Amino acid sequence: MSMTLDEFTRSVDPRCLPRILQIQSGIYVQGSVYEMYGRECCLSNGDLIKVIEIRITRFIAKGSNGITVDLPLDYPGLFRMVKDRQPYCSIQEIAESLRISSHRLGHPVFYTADDLDHPDGTIKKGASFRITGLKTVEDHECVDCELAQSELKRRFALKLSVKGEFYECDDSQFYTLKELAEWKMSTGRTRTVTKVKSTHLKDDILPDPLEDYKGELTLTPVHEIQAIMKFRKDVVLIPPNLDVDVVDVTEQHDSAVFVQPLSLKDVFKKPMDTFPVVAEVIEKPWHVPEELAFICHSKQVVIQRAFEAKRVLASETRRGEQRRFLVPSSYKGRFKRRPREFPTAYDLERAQSSTEQLHVVATRAFESHYFQGQSPVQVGDQFLIKKKSTSSTGQGSENGEDKMADMLACMKIEGKSHKDVQIPMYLDGGFVEVIHDKRQYTIGDICHGFPLPFNVKVSVRDLAVKEDILAAASGLQVEEEITDPHLLVSTLDLSECWEVPVNRTKMTVQLQQKWEGPATGAEQPVGHAVVEEIGEDCYYNLRRYAVANLQPPPRPPKIKIKQPMVKPPRPNKPIPSSSPKSPHCNSPKPGSMASDTFPRLKRNTIAVSSERRSSIPPVFQPITVATVKSKDIPQEPEVDDLDDDSHEYEYIDEDELEFIRKKVQDATVLRSTVKGKQNTF
């Protein structure tokens, strides 16, 4: 049955690709290749095309005020999703509409509108659960789930046939348009988002189309078909809005007649039953580790399987430029612990372990006036960290109840005794760990036995590799355990078999035929992994979601100062005397010194009238606000903060007065010398 190309694009399941289509009515569009942006626009009747991928190339964004703009996938901005208010009627609809994967972005979260019974228990109404993968249980297709709000990560399976009303949960994570197109677009639905941040540079030639827009945006995807035609090795791009009728003839034709060069990312997306497969190396990789050099010297390789490999992110602990590493779980080296540094007490709370007490030494002094019963921290104080508790501050709230602030309960070591103390979580101090453990650990022991990040140093290098790049590092901080897509690639004789990273290896292959396996009696291939050194861009891309749910440390309590405050009056300008300008006649009286000699006081400054410069006495006491009579002081209303005043009044420094006197005397002597008069001082 024939259908339009657009109907095929909207109805086909991406997991069923590739599909072979035959053109029923051709189309020819006049114009050069440059005018059509490289799209294939000449299709004849009877042509066969093999559709290998349907992807989103851009979005049409429509705002609430009627604005409509085209946004490319590389638009420099971050967006937050608005949950879809339209429910899903079954688990199968969720699995067919959204991309579910072991990747962290492929874990959609839903809640049920009613109680949902399953073999492992009951999901209560309103309880949220996360879908983490697809599997088959007793010939039934199911989805792996876990309760999103459970600390124990309770896991269960739901069959695709389960029906109900399932709604999306709120998602506070930020996404780029490329991530939304790859992971968060539901088949046949639009996506509503709000813009939260723009990374558009001011030096960019093109303006930001959403620069002044605030509000919700409805994203409608625009697709593009990637296809292969007979007798052509390159991939052609076909817009789905062409007026072409096609018919699906996948069952009548052999897809092997189409030559298809693939990247490692394309190979990774193949179904699991495709592997193991023999592949011809068309474009060899560049800048690969020495252990993977066999790929560059081989014409054919065997891709055994595709999988998500566990890797551990580690950074070199040194100041300045740091090296970043991806350490496989099969690393055979041994590590010893190194002291950790904690900039705040909140970091101490995060580093608490259920297996041992944390012993730290303070490197900065701190004393808090906000809490009752809180011991001041001095440099050199030692603490043993206990569990977190909650304590009341000494500041009362408006309704009479005490404010609550997070406190870290610990024991202060005083000689051979221990004293229970509490440290505020917002304490901006400094602590260094004291290490008592001299044992050696594997990378797996560290990830599962201690809270990350964790500081270590290689004590025994991995003897299975020629050069252990981790052993040369002075110290390492183990930061996070992640999953990364890999392919297990071997030679035809299985002499070499290594795990090849998909996202960091650029090469092109062509799949040829299914590999029949090793000869009878031969050993099965055992894959080896290599420690990778990655760049800063790759590191921050992998660490982007590491602390997405981490809450910031609590802020210190805000103290409101409510007390009457007075301002000294601003004295009037001195009235110049009509008598001759004799330095003896212009000497100020003690009672009038504040108003005659110093008309204006500011921080660390003093204004002196040019007519009175020669009349400053050699010695006098610092002038304070107390010299002003109380009856001349206007009363000000109560204020909450002293910072609301635009002036500050302080004692005048005696050394500064002496410096000013000296300057005035030197200026007077110079002026008297020029006029030919004798110095009167």
Foldseek 3Di string as FASTA:
>chain_A
DKDALLVCLQPDQLLPDFFKKFFQQWFDDDDDCVVVVQFDRGDHHGFIKTFGGKFFAWWWKAFPVGDTDIGGLPAFFKKFFDWDPQWDFFLLLVPRFFAAEQAPLRKFKKFFQAWDDDPVGIRHHPFMKIFHAWDADPNFIWTWIFGPPDPVGDIDIDTRGGTGTITGDGDPDIDGSNSCRVGPGTRPDKTKIWTDTGPDDPPDPDDDPCPPDGDIIIIDTFMWTWIFGAPDADIHIHGSPDRIMIDTPRVPDDPQRTWYKDALVSVLSDDFVQPFFKWAFDFAWPDDDPQPCVSVVDRIWTFHGKDWFKWWWKWFPDPDDIWIKTHGLPFPFKKWFDKDKDQFLLVVQLFDFPPDWWKKFWQFWADDPWAPQADTHDGGKIKTWDHKDKDFTPDADPVRHTDIFTWTWIWIDDPPDTDIHIHGRGGRTMIMTDDPDGDIDRPVCPQPHGRPQGKIATPGHRPVDPDGPRNPGPIMTGHDMDIFMWIWMAHPQLPRTETHGRVPITTIITTDGYDPADDPPDDHRDYDYDMDTDDPVVVCVVCVCVCVPPDDTDDDDDAWDWDWDWDQDQADADDDDPDPLDLVVLADDPLCCCRHAFRDDAPQDTDGDPSCLSRDDQDDDWDASVSDDPVRIDTDHIDGDPVVDPGDGDTHDPVSVNVSNVVSLVVQVVVCVVVVHDDPD
